[in-house]
Amino acid sequence: MTLVWAHRGARREAPENTLPAFARALEIGADGIELDVRRTADGELVVIHDETIDRTTTGHGPVAALSLAELRSFSANAGMADFDSAVIPTLDEVLALLAPAGVDINIELKPPPEPVAELEGEVLAAVEGFGLSNRTILSSFDHTVLDRLHRLGATTELALILSDRWPWPWLRARRLGATAIHLHARPTINAHFVRRAHAAGIAVRPWVINTERDLGRMFRARADAVFTDLPRLAVQVRDTLAGHSGRSTSVRP
């Protein structure tokens, strides 16, 4: 059964990539949580998507140029008035919340502009420290990130993120040591596409699926998981199609 992964948490109900958004996704019954990791000026790993804090907080400036204390001085309410107390969380804070929940955790690594400041080893250490290697997926658009993770001997699952149309993307993923492709949903993602990827040992997880029609299409194609901003809707659509309610378990080729 296709899993429902909350993209940056339940970001339509609480500010994205914050503890309230992740907690809301767990309450809804999402099977997995997707989040993004960057490094601060003082070397802390924080959970935020953009290079700057301008869109999602009341502050301004690049994440990489601000200390954790400076980042925490701003509200990360993403314009949602009821969440003024939300702040940018550290990766450790998020993992501590998710560890007992039993859900899959997809961490997208957002590499800093300076090559010397590599994230891979630190993220791996954090995941291993919480004993979450067996249900964490590390993903990136950056092929060099996946290559470094592979060379570090990562025991987590690795996933290649694709926004462009690549022929036979499962072959590209395999060359990078990945076992999944996270790609923009298109009409070409159908049951035949999924079967071909599975035959190559590659899981298929489309993003970001936010309409009932597209969710139904991905569920019928038997994609391994869908990334969605609307986990509540996705769970409802899946349960309606399946004819029953309840949580599913993670299925990986």
C-alpha atoms as a PDB file:
ATOM      1  CA  MET A   1       0.000   0.000   0.000  1.00  0.00           C
ATOM      2  CA  THR A   2       1.197   3.482  -0.838  1.00  0.00           C
ATOM      3  CA  LEU A   3       2.472   5.411   2.181  1.00  0.00           C
ATOM      4  CA  VAL A   4       1.581   9.006   2.999  1.00  0.00           C
ATOM      5  CA  TRP A   5       4.570  11.202   3.823  1.00  0.00           C
ATOM      6  CA  ALA A   6       3.922  14.704   5.163  1.00  0.00           C
ATOM      7  CA  HIS A   7       6.004  17.184   3.161  1.00  0.00           C
ATOM      8  CA  ARG A   8       7.672  19.512   5.684  1.00  0.00           C
ATOM      9  CA  GLY A   9       5.055  18.238   8.113  1.00  0.00           C
ATOM     10  CA  ALA A  10       1.371  19.131   7.879  1.00  0.00           C
ATOM     11  CA  ARG A  11       2.405  22.496   6.466  1.00  0.00           C
ATOM     12  CA  ARG A  12      -1.087  23.668   5.511  1.00  0.00           C
ATOM     13  CA  GLU A  13      -2.196  23.294   9.142  1.00  0.00           C
ATOM     14  CA  ALA A  14       0.945  24.464  10.967  1.00  0.00           C
ATOM     15  CA  PRO A  15       4.157  26.275   9.950  1.00  0.00           C
ATOM     16  CA  GLU A  16       6.338  24.105   7.729  1.00  0.00           C
ATOM     17  CA  ASN A  17       9.391  22.349   9.137  1.00  0.00           C
ATOM     18  CA  THR A  18       8.476  23.167  12.748  1.00  0.00           C
ATOM     19  CA  LEU A  19       7.677  20.896  15.666  1.00  0.00           C
ATOM     20  CA  PRO A  20       3.949  21.840  15.528  1.00  0.00           C
ATOM     21  CA  ALA A  21       3.793  20.822  11.832  1.00  0.00           C
ATOM     22  CA  PHE A  22       5.452  17.480  12.538  1.00  0.00           C
ATOM     23  CA  ALA A  23       3.272  16.832  15.594  1.00  0.00           C
ATOM     24  CA  ARG A  24       0.134  17.603  13.566  1.00  0.00           C
ATOM     25  CA  ALA A  25       1.208  15.169  10.854  1.00  0.00           C
ATOM     26  CA  LEU A  26       1.638  12.442  13.463  1.00  0.00           C
ATOM     27  CA  GLU A  27      -1.832  13.167  14.868  1.00  0.00           C
ATOM     28  CA  ILE A  28      -3.311  12.868  11.366  1.00  0.00           C
ATOM     29  CA  GLY A  29      -1.726   9.459  10.897  1.00  0.00           C
ATOM     30  CA  ALA A  30       0.962  10.145   8.297  1.00  0.00           C
ATOM     31  CA  ASP A  31       3.263   7.173   7.693  1.00  0.00           C
ATOM     32  CA  GLY A  32       6.318   9.358   7.213  1.00  0.00           C
ATOM     33  CA  ILE A  33       7.696  12.843   7.703  1.00  0.00           C
ATOM     34  CA  GLU A  34       9.806  14.789   5.201  1.00  0.00           C
ATOM     35  CA  LEU A  35      12.119  17.559   6.407  1.00  0.00           C
ATOM     36  CA  ASP A  36      15.076  19.642   5.219  1.00  0.00           C
ATOM     37  CA  VAL A  37      18.412  20.211   6.964  1.00  0.00           C
ATOM     38  CA  ARG A  38      20.874  23.103   6.756  1.00  0.00           C
ATOM     39  CA  ARG A  39      23.791  24.317   8.878  1.00  0.00           C
ATOM     40  CA  THR A  40      23.920  27.590  10.810  1.00  0.00           C
ATOM     41  CA  ALA A  41      26.854  29.985  11.040  1.00  0.00           C
ATOM     42  CA  ASP A  42      27.893  28.373  14.339  1.00  0.00           C
ATOM     43  CA  GLY A  43      27.719  24.831  12.978  1.00  0.00           C
ATOM     44  CA  GLU A  44      24.315  23.705  14.266  1.00  0.00           C
ATOM     45  CA  LEU A  45      22.052  21.513  12.139  1.00  0.00           C
ATOM     46  CA  VAL A  46      18.619  23.097  11.786  1.00  0.00           C
ATOM     47  CA  VAL A  47      15.460  22.116   9.960  1.00  0.00           C
ATOM     48  CA  ILE A  48      14.465  24.646   7.302  1.00  0.00           C
ATOM     49  CA  HIS A  49      13.923  24.473   3.545  1.00  0.00           C
ATOM     50  CA  ASP A  50      15.050  27.821   2.135  1.00  0.00           C
ATOM     51  CA  GLU A  51      18.564  29.263   2.020  1.00  0.00           C
ATOM     52  CA  THR A  52      17.206  32.343   3.798  1.00  0.00           C
ATOM     53  CA  ILE A  53      14.769  32.772   6.666  1.00  0.00           C
ATOM     54  CA  ASP A  54      12.809  35.537   4.912  1.00  0.00           C
ATOM     55  CA  ARG A  55       9.798  33.511   3.755  1.00  0.00           C
ATOM     56  CA  THR A  56       9.102  31.386   6.832  1.00  0.00           C
ATOM     57  CA  THR A  57      10.190  33.587   9.744  1.00  0.00           C
ATOM     58  CA  THR A  58       9.860  37.152  10.963  1.00  0.00           C
ATOM     59  CA  GLY A  59      13.585  37.689  10.342  1.00  0.00           C
ATOM     60  CA  HIS A  60      15.818  38.166   7.341  1.00  0.00           C
ATOM     61  CA  GLY A  61      19.096  36.763   6.066  1.00  0.00           C
ATOM     62  CA  PRO A  62      20.795  33.529   5.012  1.00  0.00           C
ATOM     63  CA  VAL A  63      20.627  30.564   7.380  1.00  0.00           C
ATOM     64  CA  ALA A  64      24.355  29.983   6.893  1.00  0.00           C
ATOM     65  CA  ALA A  65      25.156  33.538   8.056  1.00  0.00           C
ATOM     66  CA  LEU A  66      23.156  33.399  11.310  1.00  0.00           C
ATOM     67  CA  SER A  67      23.834  31.616  14.589  1.00  0.00           C
ATOM     68  CA  LEU A  68      21.310  29.289  16.184  1.00  0.00           C
ATOM     69  CA  ALA A  69      20.586  31.910  18.849  1.00  0.00           C
ATOM     70  CA  GLU A  70      19.956  34.526  16.184  1.00  0.00           C
ATOM     71  CA  LEU A  71      17.645  32.188  14.281  1.00  0.00           C
ATOM     72  CA  ARG A  72      15.732  31.414  17.476  1.00  0.00           C
ATOM     73  CA  SER A  73      15.111  35.092  18.108  1.00  0.00           C
ATOM     74  CA  PHE A  74      12.555  35.111  15.289  1.00  0.00           C
ATOM     75  CA  SER A  75       9.168  33.470  15.028  1.00  0.00           C
ATOM     76  CA  ALA A  76       9.005  30.696  12.422  1.00  0.00           C
ATOM     77  CA  ASN A  77       5.238  31.000  12.087  1.00  0.00           C
ATOM     78  CA  ALA A  78       5.339  31.208   8.261  1.00  0.00           C
ATOM     79  CA  GLY A  79       2.654  33.876   8.465  1.00  0.00           C
ATOM     80  CA  MET A  80       0.280  31.776  10.605  1.00  0.00           C
ATOM     81  CA  ALA A  81      -0.869  34.012  13.454  1.00  0.00           C
ATOM     82  CA  ASP A  82      -1.717  31.161  15.826  1.00  0.00           C
ATOM     83  CA  PHE A  83       1.886  29.891  15.825  1.00  0.00           C
ATOM     84  CA  ASP A  84       3.921  32.932  16.848  1.00  0.00           C
ATOM     85  CA  SER A  85       5.860  30.837  19.387  1.00  0.00           C
ATOM     86  CA  ALA A  86       7.130  28.417  16.727  1.00  0.00           C
ATOM     87  CA  VAL A  87      10.869  28.539  16.100  1.00  0.00           C
ATOM     88  CA  ILE A  88      13.283  26.900  13.682  1.00  0.00           C
ATOM     89  CA  PRO A  89      14.028  23.524  15.303  1.00  0.00           C
ATOM     90  CA  THR A  90      17.334  21.717  15.457  1.00  0.00           C
ATOM     91  CA  LEU A  91      17.636  18.343  13.791  1.00  0.00           C
ATOM     92  CA  ASP A  92      18.071  16.711  17.207  1.00  0.00           C
ATOM     93  CA  GLU A  93      14.810  18.236  18.441  1.00  0.00           C
ATOM     94  CA  VAL A  94      12.925  16.885  15.450  1.00  0.00           C
ATOM     95  CA  LEU A  95      14.460  13.417  15.722  1.00  0.00           C
ATOM     96  CA  ALA A  96      13.616  13.321  19.427  1.00  0.00           C
ATOM     97  CA  LEU A  97       9.972  14.022  18.542  1.00  0.00           C
ATOM     98  CA  LEU A  98       9.817  11.471  15.738  1.00  0.00           C
ATOM     99  CA  ALA A  99      11.878   8.661  17.283  1.00  0.00           C
ATOM    100  CA  PRO A 100       9.099   7.182  19.442  1.00  0.00           C
ATOM    101  CA  ALA A 101       6.435   7.644  16.752  1.00  0.00           C
ATOM    102  CA  GLY A 102       7.607   4.762  14.542  1.00  0.00           C
ATOM    103  CA  VAL A 103       7.201   6.701  11.289  1.00  0.00           C
ATOM    104  CA  ASP A 104       9.575   6.843   8.342  1.00  0.00           C
ATOM    105  CA  ILE A 105      11.793   9.939   8.294  1.00  0.00           C
ATOM    106  CA  ASN A 106      12.991  11.487   5.047  1.00  0.00           C
ATOM    107  CA  ILE A 107      15.774  14.017   5.503  1.00  0.00           C
ATOM    108  CA  GLU A 108      16.659  16.118   2.501  1.00  0.00           C
ATOM    109  CA  LEU A 109      20.194  17.452   2.772  1.00  0.00           C
ATOM    110  CA  LYS A 110      20.576  21.051   1.649  1.00  0.00           C
ATOM    111  CA  PRO A 111      24.320  21.456   1.114  1.00  0.00           C
ATOM    112  CA  PRO A 112      25.858  24.838   1.964  1.00  0.00           C
ATOM    113  CA  PRO A 113      27.576  26.853  -0.764  1.00  0.00           C
ATOM    114  CA  GLU A 114      31.022  26.111   0.684  1.00  0.00           C
ATOM    115  CA  PRO A 115      32.155  22.563  -0.245  1.00  0.00           C
ATOM    116  CA  VAL A 116      34.302  22.330   2.895  1.00  0.00           C
ATOM    117  CA  ALA A 117      31.224  22.500   5.128  1.00  0.00           C
ATOM    118  CA  GLU A 118      29.834  19.059   4.308  1.00  0.00           C
ATOM    119  CA  LEU A 119      26.687  17.923   6.099  1.00  0.00           C
ATOM    120  CA  GLU A 120      26.655  14.218   5.369  1.00  0.00           C
ATOM    121  CA  GLY A 121      28.736  12.872   8.248  1.00  0.00           C
ATOM    122  CA  GLU A 122      26.995  15.030  10.854  1.00  0.00           C
ATOM    123  CA  VAL A 123      23.518  14.086   9.675  1.00  0.00           C
ATOM    124  CA  LEU A 124      24.466  10.403   9.662  1.00  0.00           C
ATOM    125  CA  ALA A 125      25.827  10.705  13.205  1.00  0.00           C
ATOM    126  CA  ALA A 126      22.611  12.362  14.411  1.00  0.00           C
ATOM    127  CA  VAL A 127      20.430   9.669  12.843  1.00  0.00           C
ATOM    128  CA  GLU A 128      22.579   6.865  14.235  1.00  0.00           C
ATOM    129  CA  GLY A 129      22.623   8.525  17.664  1.00  0.00           C
ATOM    130  CA  PHE A 130      18.842   8.214  17.856  1.00  0.00           C
ATOM    131  CA  GLY A 131      18.929   4.643  16.528  1.00  0.00           C
ATOM    132  CA  LEU A 132      16.920   5.622  13.456  1.00  0.00           C
ATOM    133  CA  SER A 133      19.052   4.299  10.599  1.00  0.00           C
ATOM    134  CA  ASN A 134      16.566   1.565   9.737  1.00  0.00           C
ATOM    135  CA  ARG A 135      13.691   3.973   9.103  1.00  0.00           C
ATOM    136  CA  THR A 136      15.465   7.059   7.831  1.00  0.00           C
ATOM    137  CA  ILE A 137      15.880   7.974   4.178  1.00  0.00           C
ATOM    138  CA  LEU A 138      18.528  10.509   3.235  1.00  0.00           C
ATOM    139  CA  SER A 139      17.813  12.296  -0.024  1.00  0.00           C
ATOM    140  CA  SER A 140      19.233  15.068  -2.165  1.00  0.00           C
ATOM    141  CA  PHE A 141      19.090  16.671  -5.606  1.00  0.00           C
ATOM    142  CA  ASP A 142      22.883  16.894  -5.375  1.00  0.00           C
ATOM    143  CA  HIS A 143      24.559  13.790  -6.776  1.00  0.00           C
ATOM    144  CA  THR A 144      27.784  14.553  -4.893  1.00  0.00           C
ATOM    145  CA  VAL A 145      25.875  14.377  -1.597  1.00  0.00           C
ATOM    146  CA  LEU A 146      24.647  10.881  -2.386  1.00  0.00           C
ATOM    147  CA  ASP A 147      28.117   9.866  -3.495  1.00  0.00           C
ATOM    148  CA  ARG A 148      29.636  11.073  -0.212  1.00  0.00           C
ATOM    149  CA  LEU A 149      26.949   9.296   1.813  1.00  0.00           C
ATOM    150  CA  HIS A 150      27.624   6.116  -0.109  1.00  0.00           C
ATOM    151  CA  ARG A 151      31.367   6.416   0.502  1.00  0.00           C
ATOM    152  CA  LEU A 152      30.734   7.063   4.215  1.00  0.00           C
ATOM    153  CA  GLY A 153      29.060   3.654   4.372  1.00  0.00           C
ATOM    154  CA  ALA A 154      25.605   4.990   5.189  1.00  0.00           C
ATOM    155  CA  THR A 155      23.266   2.221   6.330  1.00  0.00           C
ATOM    156  CA  THR A 156      20.248   4.446   5.823  1.00  0.00           C
ATOM    157  CA  GLU A 157      18.329   4.281   2.581  1.00  0.00           C
ATOM    158  CA  LEU A 158      19.527   6.802  -0.015  1.00  0.00           C
ATOM    159  CA  ALA A 159      17.176   8.494  -2.468  1.00  0.00           C
ATOM    160  CA  LEU A 160      17.802  10.596  -5.559  1.00  0.00           C
ATOM    161  CA  ILE A 161      15.499  13.605  -5.986  1.00  0.00           C
ATOM    162  CA  LEU A 162      14.675  14.569  -9.568  1.00  0.00           C
ATOM    163  CA  SER A 163      12.754  17.561 -10.870  1.00  0.00           C
ATOM    164  CA  ASP A 164      13.653  17.130 -14.533  1.00  0.00           C
ATOM    165  CA  ARG A 165      12.591  14.348 -16.845  1.00  0.00           C
ATOM    166  CA  TRP A 166      15.333  11.726 -17.017  1.00  0.00           C
ATOM    167  CA  PRO A 167      15.048   8.607 -19.159  1.00  0.00           C
ATOM    168  CA  TRP A 168      15.163   5.465 -17.019  1.00  0.00           C
ATOM    169  CA  PRO A 169      15.747   7.356 -13.747  1.00  0.00           C
ATOM    170  CA  TRP A 170      15.994   4.092 -11.810  1.00  0.00           C
ATOM    171  CA  LEU A 171      19.269   3.358 -13.613  1.00  0.00           C
ATOM    172  CA  ARG A 172      20.635   6.759 -12.642  1.00  0.00           C
ATOM    173  CA  ALA A 173      19.691   6.118  -9.001  1.00  0.00           C
ATOM    174  CA  ARG A 174      21.409   2.739  -8.979  1.00  0.00           C
ATOM    175  CA  ARG A 175      24.654   4.241 -10.298  1.00  0.00           C
ATOM    176  CA  LEU A 176      24.652   6.599  -7.293  1.00  0.00           C
ATOM    177  CA  GLY A 177      24.022   3.835  -4.772  1.00  0.00           C
ATOM    178  CA  ALA A 178      20.446   5.003  -4.168  1.00  0.00           C
ATOM    179  CA  THR A 179      17.492   2.652  -3.754  1.00  0.00           C
ATOM    180  CA  ALA A 180      14.703   5.166  -4.403  1.00  0.00           C
ATOM    181  CA  ILE A 181      13.750   8.009  -6.699  1.00  0.00           C
ATOM    182  CA  HIS A 182      11.771  10.995  -5.455  1.00  0.00           C
ATOM    183  CA  LEU A 183      10.481  12.729  -8.526  1.00  0.00           C
ATOM    184  CA  HIS A 184       7.981  15.306  -9.676  1.00  0.00           C
ATOM    185  CA  ALA A 185       4.661  13.629 -10.417  1.00  0.00           C
ATOM    186  CA  ARG A 186       3.812  13.490 -14.109  1.00  0.00           C
ATOM    187  CA  PRO A 187       1.378  11.474 -16.223  1.00  0.00           C
ATOM    188  CA  THR A 188       4.322   9.200 -17.050  1.00  0.00           C
ATOM    189  CA  ILE A 189       4.279   7.902 -13.476  1.00  0.00           C
ATOM    190  CA  ASN A 190       1.836   5.059 -13.808  1.00  0.00           C
ATOM    191  CA  ALA A 191       1.658   1.409 -12.830  1.00  0.00           C
ATOM    192  CA  HIS A 192       3.978   0.415 -15.681  1.00  0.00           C
ATOM    193  CA  PHE A 193       6.575   3.005 -14.624  1.00  0.00           C
ATOM    194  CA  VAL A 194       6.432   1.792 -11.015  1.00  0.00           C
ATOM    195  CA  ARG A 195       6.787  -1.858 -12.046  1.00  0.00           C
ATOM    196  CA  ARG A 196       9.870  -1.059 -14.138  1.00  0.00           C
ATOM    197  CA  ALA A 197      11.485   0.810 -11.258  1.00  0.00           C
ATOM    198  CA  HIS A 198      10.685  -2.024  -8.848  1.00  0.00           C
ATOM    199  CA  ALA A 199      12.206  -4.525 -11.248  1.00  0.00           C
ATOM    200  CA  ALA A 200      15.431  -2.510 -10.928  1.00  0.00           C
ATOM    201  CA  GLY A 201      15.148  -2.515  -7.133  1.00  0.00           C
ATOM    202  CA  ILE A 202      14.169   1.159  -6.914  1.00  0.00           C
ATOM    203  CA  ALA A 203      11.267   2.605  -4.913  1.00  0.00           C
ATOM    204  CA  VAL A 204       9.125   5.366  -6.462  1.00  0.00           C
ATOM    205  CA  ARG A 205       7.937   8.299  -4.345  1.00  0.00           C
ATOM    206  CA  PRO A 206       6.382  11.235  -6.257  1.00  0.00           C
ATOM    207  CA  TRP A 207       6.143  14.807  -4.932  1.00  0.00           C
ATOM    208  CA  VAL A 208       4.235  17.004  -4.114  1.00  0.00           C
ATOM    209  CA  ILE A 209       0.757  15.477  -4.515  1.00  0.00           C
ATOM    210  CA  ASN A 210      -2.013  17.760  -3.241  1.00  0.00           C
ATOM    211  CA  THR A 211      -5.198  17.031  -5.182  1.00  0.00           C
ATOM    212  CA  GLU A 212      -7.648  14.202  -4.730  1.00  0.00           C
ATOM    213  CA  ARG A 213      -7.317  13.300  -8.406  1.00  0.00           C
ATOM    214  CA  ASP A 214      -3.521  13.087  -8.384  1.00  0.00           C
ATOM    215  CA  LEU A 215      -3.457  11.278  -5.056  1.00  0.00           C
ATOM    216  CA  GLY A 216      -5.839   8.678  -6.434  1.00  0.00           C
ATOM    217  CA  ARG A 217      -3.682   8.302  -9.534  1.00  0.00           C
ATOM    218  CA  MET A 218      -0.553   7.648  -7.462  1.00  0.00           C
ATOM    219  CA  PHE A 219      -2.357   5.218  -5.150  1.00  0.00           C
ATOM    220  CA  ARG A 220      -3.714   3.254  -8.113  1.00  0.00           C
ATOM    221  CA  ALA A 221      -0.232   3.183  -9.674  1.00  0.00           C
ATOM    222  CA  ARG A 222       1.024   1.683  -6.385  1.00  0.00           C
ATOM    223  CA  ALA A 223       3.771   4.228  -5.849  1.00  0.00           C
ATOM    224  CA  ASP A 224       5.692   3.369  -2.692  1.00  0.00           C
ATOM    225  CA  ALA A 225       4.857   6.689  -1.046  1.00  0.00           C
ATOM    226  CA  VAL A 226       3.582  10.153  -1.907  1.00  0.00           C
ATOM    227  CA  PHE A 227       4.912  13.418  -0.546  1.00  0.00           C
ATOM    228  CA  THR A 228       2.025  15.741   0.229  1.00  0.00           C
ATOM    229  CA  ASP A 229       1.329  19.070   1.920  1.00  0.00           C
ATOM    230  CA  LEU A 230      -2.113  17.676   2.782  1.00  0.00           C
ATOM    231  CA  PRO A 231      -1.605  14.433   4.709  1.00  0.00           C
ATOM    232  CA  ARG A 232      -5.131  14.578   6.122  1.00  0.00           C
ATOM    233  CA  LEU A 233      -6.626  14.550   2.615  1.00  0.00           C
ATOM    234  CA  ALA A 234      -4.170  11.899   1.428  1.00  0.00           C
ATOM    235  CA  VAL A 235      -5.022   9.511   4.268  1.00  0.00           C
ATOM    236  CA  GLN A 236      -8.735  10.002   3.589  1.00  0.00           C
ATOM    237  CA  VAL A 237      -8.382   9.361  -0.149  1.00  0.00           C
ATOM    238  CA  ARG A 238      -6.231   6.282   0.409  1.00  0.00           C
ATOM    239  CA  ASP A 239      -8.578   4.820   2.990  1.00  0.00           C
ATOM    240  CA  THR A 240     -11.568   5.428   0.738  1.00  0.00           C
ATOM    241  CA  LEU A 241      -9.855   3.671  -2.161  1.00  0.00           C
ATOM    242  CA  ALA A 242      -8.697   0.817   0.043  1.00  0.00           C
ATOM    243  CA  GLY A 243     -12.147   0.414   1.553  1.00  0.00           C
ATOM    244  CA  HIS A 244     -10.871   0.478   5.109  1.00  0.00           C
ATOM    245  CA  SER A 245      -9.142   2.700   7.650  1.00  0.00           C
ATOM    246  CA  GLY A 246      -5.872   2.194   9.427  1.00  0.00           C
ATOM    247  CA  ARG A 247      -2.156   2.698   9.201  1.00  0.00           C
ATOM    248  CA  SER A 248      -0.024   0.957   6.611  1.00  0.00           C
ATOM    249  CA  THR A 249       3.468  -0.345   7.004  1.00  0.00           C
ATOM    250  CA  SER A 250       6.498   0.760   5.054  1.00  0.00           C
ATOM    251  CA  VAL A 251       7.084  -1.160   1.844  1.00  0.00           C
ATOM    252  CA  ARG A 252      10.468  -0.930   0.163  1.00  0.00           C
ATOM    253  CA  PRO A 253      11.685  -2.945  -2.801  1.00  0.00           C
END
